[in-house]
Protein backbone atom coordinates (compact mmCIF):
# COMPACT_ATOMS: atom_id res chain seq x y z
CA MET A 1 -0.04 0.02 -0.06
CA LYS A 2 2.87 2.31 0.70
CA LYS A 3 4.30 1.90 -2.79
CA VAL A 4 0.87 2.53 -4.28
CA PHE A 5 0.47 5.92 -2.38
CA GLN A 6 3.86 6.91 -3.51
CA PHE A 7 3.15 6.15 -7.10
CA LEU A 8 -0.17 8.23 -6.79
CA ALA A 9 1.75 11.09 -5.29
CA ILE A 10 4.25 11.12 -8.11
CA CYS A 11 1.44 11.10 -10.57
CA ALA A 12 -0.34 13.95 -8.87
CA MET A 13 2.83 15.95 -8.69
CA GLY A 14 3.51 15.46 -12.55
CA THR A 15 -0.15 16.31 -13.41
CA ALA A 16 0.19 19.64 -11.38
CA LEU A 17 3.40 20.44 -13.17
CA ALA A 18 1.88 19.68 -16.57
CA ILE A 19 -1.11 22.01 -15.80
CA SER A 20 1.15 24.73 -14.60
CA ALA A 21 3.29 24.48 -17.82
CA CYS A 22 0.22 24.76 -19.92
CA THR A 23 -1.18 27.61 -17.88
CA LEU A 24 2.06 29.56 -18.27
CA VAL A 25 2.00 29.12 -22.11
CA SER A 26 -1.46 30.01 -22.50
CA VAL A 27 -1.29 33.22 -20.47
CA PRO A 28 -1.37 36.26 -22.77
CA LEU A 29 1.33 38.67 -22.75
CA PHE A 30 0.26 42.05 -21.49
CA GLY A 31 1.90 45.32 -21.84
CA GLN A 32 3.36 44.85 -25.38
CA SER A 33 2.23 47.20 -28.27
CA PRO A 34 1.08 45.76 -31.67
CA PRO A 35 3.78 45.45 -34.35
CA GLN A 36 4.50 48.66 -36.38
CA SER A 37 5.27 48.60 -40.20
CA VAL A 38 8.44 50.49 -41.17
CA THR A 39 9.05 51.56 -44.78
CA GLN A 40 12.76 52.21 -45.71
CA PRO A 41 14.39 52.80 -49.14
CA VAL A 42 15.89 49.96 -50.94
CA GLN A 43 19.40 50.64 -52.56
CA VAL A 44 20.80 48.70 -55.38
CA VAL A 45 24.51 49.10 -55.34
CA ASN A 46 27.28 47.98 -57.82
CA THR A 47 24.63 47.34 -60.42
CA PRO A 48 25.13 49.50 -63.71
CA ASN A 49 22.19 47.93 -65.46
CA VAL A 50 18.70 46.96 -64.20
CA ASN A 51 16.78 44.57 -66.53
CA VAL A 52 12.95 44.37 -66.35
CA ALA A 53 12.01 40.96 -67.41
CA ASN A 54 8.62 39.63 -68.51
CA THR A 55 7.47 43.04 -69.53
CA PRO A 56 6.10 43.14 -73.10
CA SER A 57 6.26 46.90 -73.31
CA VAL A 58 7.16 50.03 -71.52
CA SER A 59 5.00 53.22 -72.00
CA VAL A 60 6.27 56.71 -71.18
CA THR A 61 3.22 58.96 -70.88
CA ASN A 62 2.84 62.72 -70.33
CA THR A 63 6.14 63.30 -71.97
CA PRO A 64 5.98 65.61 -74.99
CA SER A 65 9.61 64.84 -76.02
CA VAL A 66 12.75 63.16 -75.15
CA SER A 67 16.14 64.84 -75.68
CA VAL A 68 19.42 63.14 -75.84
CA SER A 69 22.20 65.62 -75.35
CA ASN A 70 25.98 65.41 -75.41
CA THR A 71 25.70 62.29 -77.62
CA PRO A 72 27.17 62.45 -81.14
CA SER A 73 25.30 59.50 -82.46
CA VAL A 74 22.69 56.98 -81.41
CA ASN A 75 22.66 53.54 -82.91
CA VAL A 76 19.64 51.32 -82.81
CA THR A 77 20.42 47.75 -83.34
CA ASN A 78 18.29 44.50 -83.58
CA THR A 79 15.40 46.39 -84.76
CA PRO A 80 13.89 44.83 -87.94
CA SER A 81 11.62 47.92 -88.72
CA VAL A 82 10.77 51.34 -87.44
CA ASN A 83 7.13 52.36 -87.75
CA LEU A 84 6.05 56.02 -87.89
CA GLU A 85 2.86 57.28 -86.16
CA ALA A 86 -0.13 58.26 -88.41
CA GLY A 87 0.64 61.75 -89.99
CA ALA A 88 4.32 61.57 -89.14
CA SER A 89 6.91 62.07 -92.04
CA VAL A 90 10.67 61.92 -92.59
CA ALA A 91 12.30 64.50 -94.81
CA VAL A 92 14.85 63.21 -97.39
CA THR A 93 16.93 65.84 -99.22
CA ASN A 94 19.30 65.43 -102.03
CA PRO A 95 22.85 66.88 -101.56
CA PRO A 96 23.84 69.24 -104.36
CA ASP A 97 26.63 68.40 -106.80
CA SER A 98 29.49 70.74 -107.92
CA GLN A 99 27.01 72.51 -110.19
CA GLY A 100 24.33 73.07 -107.37
CA ASN A 101 22.09 70.33 -108.87
CA PRO A 102 20.63 67.64 -106.54
CA THR A 103 22.28 64.31 -106.79
CA PRO A 104 20.27 61.08 -106.75
CA LEU A 105 20.37 59.37 -103.25
CA ALA A 106 19.63 55.99 -104.76
CA THR A 107 18.87 54.45 -108.13
CA LEU A 108 16.39 51.65 -108.73
CA GLU A 109 18.02 49.72 -111.66
CA ALA A 110 15.11 47.77 -112.52
CA VAL A 111 12.97 50.93 -113.43
CA GLN A 112 14.87 52.13 -116.51
CA VAL A 113 16.73 49.00 -117.89
CA TYR A 114 18.77 49.51 -121.21
CA GLY A 115 19.93 46.88 -123.50
CA SER A 116 21.08 47.21 -127.14
CA VAL A 117 22.57 45.01 -129.85
CA CYS A 118 24.43 45.97 -133.05
CA GLN A 119 26.36 44.15 -135.76
CA PHE A 120 28.44 44.79 -138.85
CA ALA A 121 30.34 43.09 -141.56
CA PHE A 122 34.05 43.96 -142.32
CA ASN A 123 33.19 43.79 -146.18
CA GLY A 124 36.77 43.53 -147.09
CA ASN A 125 38.11 46.14 -144.80
CA PHE A 126 40.35 45.79 -141.71
CA TYR A 127 37.75 47.63 -139.40
CA GLY A 128 34.13 47.69 -138.94
CA TYR A 129 31.77 49.50 -136.33
CA CYS A 130 28.06 49.81 -135.57
CA TYR A 131 25.90 52.09 -133.34
CA PHE A 132 23.86 50.98 -130.49
CA THR A 133 20.41 52.60 -129.38
CA GLU A 134 20.74 56.45 -128.80
CA VAL A 135 20.64 57.46 -125.13
CA PRO A 136 17.39 59.54 -124.62
CA SER A 137 17.52 63.17 -123.70
CA GLY A 138 17.52 63.84 -120.08
CA LYS A 139 18.98 60.45 -119.35
CA GLN A 140 22.38 59.08 -118.61
CA LEU A 141 23.32 55.60 -119.61
CA VAL A 142 25.25 53.52 -117.09
CA VAL A 143 26.93 50.59 -119.00
CA GLN A 144 27.41 47.52 -116.72
CA GLU A 145 28.34 44.87 -119.33
CA PHE A 146 29.87 44.63 -122.73
CA ASP A 147 29.66 41.50 -124.92
CA ALA A 148 30.90 40.84 -128.37
CA TYR A 149 30.97 37.70 -130.84
CA GLY A 150 33.07 37.70 -133.99
CA VAL A 151 33.96 35.55 -136.91
CA VAL A 152 37.38 36.23 -138.71
CA GLU A 153 39.85 34.52 -141.03
CA THR A 154 42.20 31.99 -139.28
CA GLY A 155 44.79 33.98 -137.35
CA ASN A 156 43.24 37.31 -138.30
CA ARG A 157 42.41 38.14 -134.59
CA PRO A 158 41.33 41.42 -133.46
CA LEU A 159 43.72 44.22 -132.75
CA TYR A 160 41.47 45.96 -130.35
CA ILE A 161 37.66 46.06 -129.56
CA ASP A 162 36.35 49.50 -128.71
CA LEU A 163 33.29 50.70 -126.90
CA ASP A 164 33.20 54.46 -128.09
CA ASP A 165 31.33 57.57 -127.37
CA THR A 166 31.30 57.32 -123.49
CA ILE A 167 31.91 60.12 -121.28
CA ASP A 168 35.54 59.10 -120.78
CA GLY A 169 36.14 58.37 -124.40
CA TYR A 170 37.32 55.15 -125.86
CA ASN A 171 37.24 51.82 -123.84
CA PHE A 172 39.04 48.66 -125.03
CA PHE A 173 38.20 45.18 -124.33
CA THR A 174 40.12 41.80 -124.74
CA SER A 175 38.85 38.95 -126.98
CA THR A 176 38.92 35.27 -126.15
CA PHE A 177 39.69 32.61 -128.90
CA MET A 178 36.69 30.05 -128.82
CA ASN A 179 37.42 27.63 -131.71
CA ASN A 180 38.36 27.14 -135.32
CA ASP A 181 35.82 25.59 -137.69
CA GLY A 182 38.34 23.76 -139.78
CA ASP A 183 37.23 25.83 -142.80
CA GLY A 184 39.54 28.93 -142.37
CA HIS A 185 37.56 30.76 -139.65
CA ASP A 186 38.29 31.64 -136.07
CA TYR A 187 35.65 32.32 -133.51
CA VAL A 188 36.29 34.91 -130.89
CA ALA A 189 34.13 36.24 -127.97
CA THR A 190 34.27 39.00 -125.35
CA HIS A 191 32.29 39.08 -122.04
CA GLN A 192 33.19 41.70 -119.53
CA GLU A 193 31.54 43.55 -116.63
CA THR A 194 32.27 47.30 -116.66
CA ARG A 195 31.11 50.67 -115.40
CA LEU A 196 30.80 53.31 -117.95
CA TYR A 197 28.68 56.42 -118.62
CA VAL A 198 27.13 57.78 -121.88
CA ALA A 199 25.73 61.25 -121.85
CA PRO A 200 22.31 62.17 -122.84
CA GLY A 201 21.74 62.11 -126.70
CA GLU A 202 24.87 60.09 -127.42
CA LEU A 203 25.07 57.08 -129.76
CA PRO A 204 27.48 54.59 -128.20
CA SER A 205 29.30 52.40 -130.77
CA CYS A 206 31.29 49.37 -131.13
CA LEU A 207 34.37 49.28 -133.22
CA VAL A 208 36.69 46.39 -133.96
CA ALA A 209 39.97 46.36 -136.03
CA VAL A 210 41.89 43.30 -137.32
CA PRO A 211 45.46 43.16 -138.94
CA GLN A 212 44.37 42.14 -142.32
CA ASN A 213 41.30 42.90 -144.42
CA SER A 214 38.36 40.60 -143.51
CA HIS A 215 35.23 39.19 -144.89
CA GLY A 216 34.02 38.20 -141.39
CA GLY A 217 31.78 40.18 -138.98
CA TYR A 218 30.95 40.98 -135.46
CA GLN A 219 28.04 41.41 -133.07
CA CYS A 220 28.23 43.59 -130.10
CA ASN A 221 25.87 43.82 -126.91
CA ILE A 222 25.76 46.34 -123.99
CA SER A 223 23.48 46.32 -121.05
CA GLY A 224 22.78 48.77 -118.23
CA PHE A 225 20.40 51.30 -116.98
CA LEU A 226 19.35 54.81 -117.47
CA VAL A 227 19.28 57.53 -114.77
CA ASP A 228 17.55 60.99 -114.91
CA VAL A 229 19.94 63.82 -115.42
CA PRO A 230 18.84 67.37 -114.22
CA LEU A 231 19.00 70.18 -116.67
CA GLY A 232 22.41 71.87 -116.44
CA SER A 233 23.96 68.61 -115.26
CA SER A 234 28.04 68.47 -115.72
CA SER A 235 27.52 65.28 -117.75
CA ALA A 236 28.87 66.15 -121.30
CA PRO A 237 29.81 64.03 -124.43
CA ALA A 238 33.32 62.88 -124.60
CA GLN A 239 35.71 64.85 -126.79
CA ARG A 240 36.85 62.95 -129.88
CA ARG A 241 40.45 61.58 -129.62
CA GLN A 242 42.38 59.88 -132.43
CA LEU A 243 42.58 56.16 -131.95
CA PRO A 244 46.01 54.59 -131.70
CA ALA A 245 47.72 54.08 -135.12
CA LEU A 246 47.24 50.40 -136.42
CA PRO A 247 50.12 48.37 -137.71
CA ARG A 248 51.60 49.60 -141.03
CA GLY A 249 50.37 53.06 -140.07
CA PHE A 250 46.64 52.34 -140.68
CA LYS A 251 44.22 54.66 -139.13
CA VAL A 252 40.37 54.17 -138.84
CA PRO A 253 38.93 56.81 -141.28
CA GLY A 254 36.79 59.54 -139.82
CA ARG A 255 38.33 58.93 -136.30
């Protein structure tokens, strides 16, 4: 019985302590003020750039204009297109040339394409020539390519092939031997890109000279485009110059 009473006493003391502990925890704390919210600025240091992600657009409102000063140039990269607002416009001016006339900013070659073909027979002479289509008034021809194809006696290869009446005068092109037909004829051709100019109203021409009189012939082609020339432009026909003398002192008549 004594041990039973001791066990009950211990249990009673444990229960009392447990109740006291619970009581202490559950007692509200008096005398403390409710928590106060404090707002302080946030400083971002050592960060030269701040990126705003997941933002499709940024709008600046109530700002009539934005000025960038002390900046010699501003480059916009990785932008496929720039759209102007309705009613907005961009002024484009042509800088004047040495004569005070506006110069073209850009030329769309496909608008005024030029191409012309001419041909001639030597007819027993050592030279021959033909004229291309006349350049219209108010236009200047830009020649981009010259082609020629000829048939001459074996070994009677061209001395020179000339595109004449350009702004800079005579222009000479090389010929390439293609083949011999086995019947006394050589076939030669010329294909060359170039950049030549013909003034308004001029007749560009093709002239070929050979060492010996020939009964062959030639066909010449030029292609390029026309550009508008303002009145009073400095473009002018080339001054005629004497062609170099041919072997044996031959000269092309009328040149």
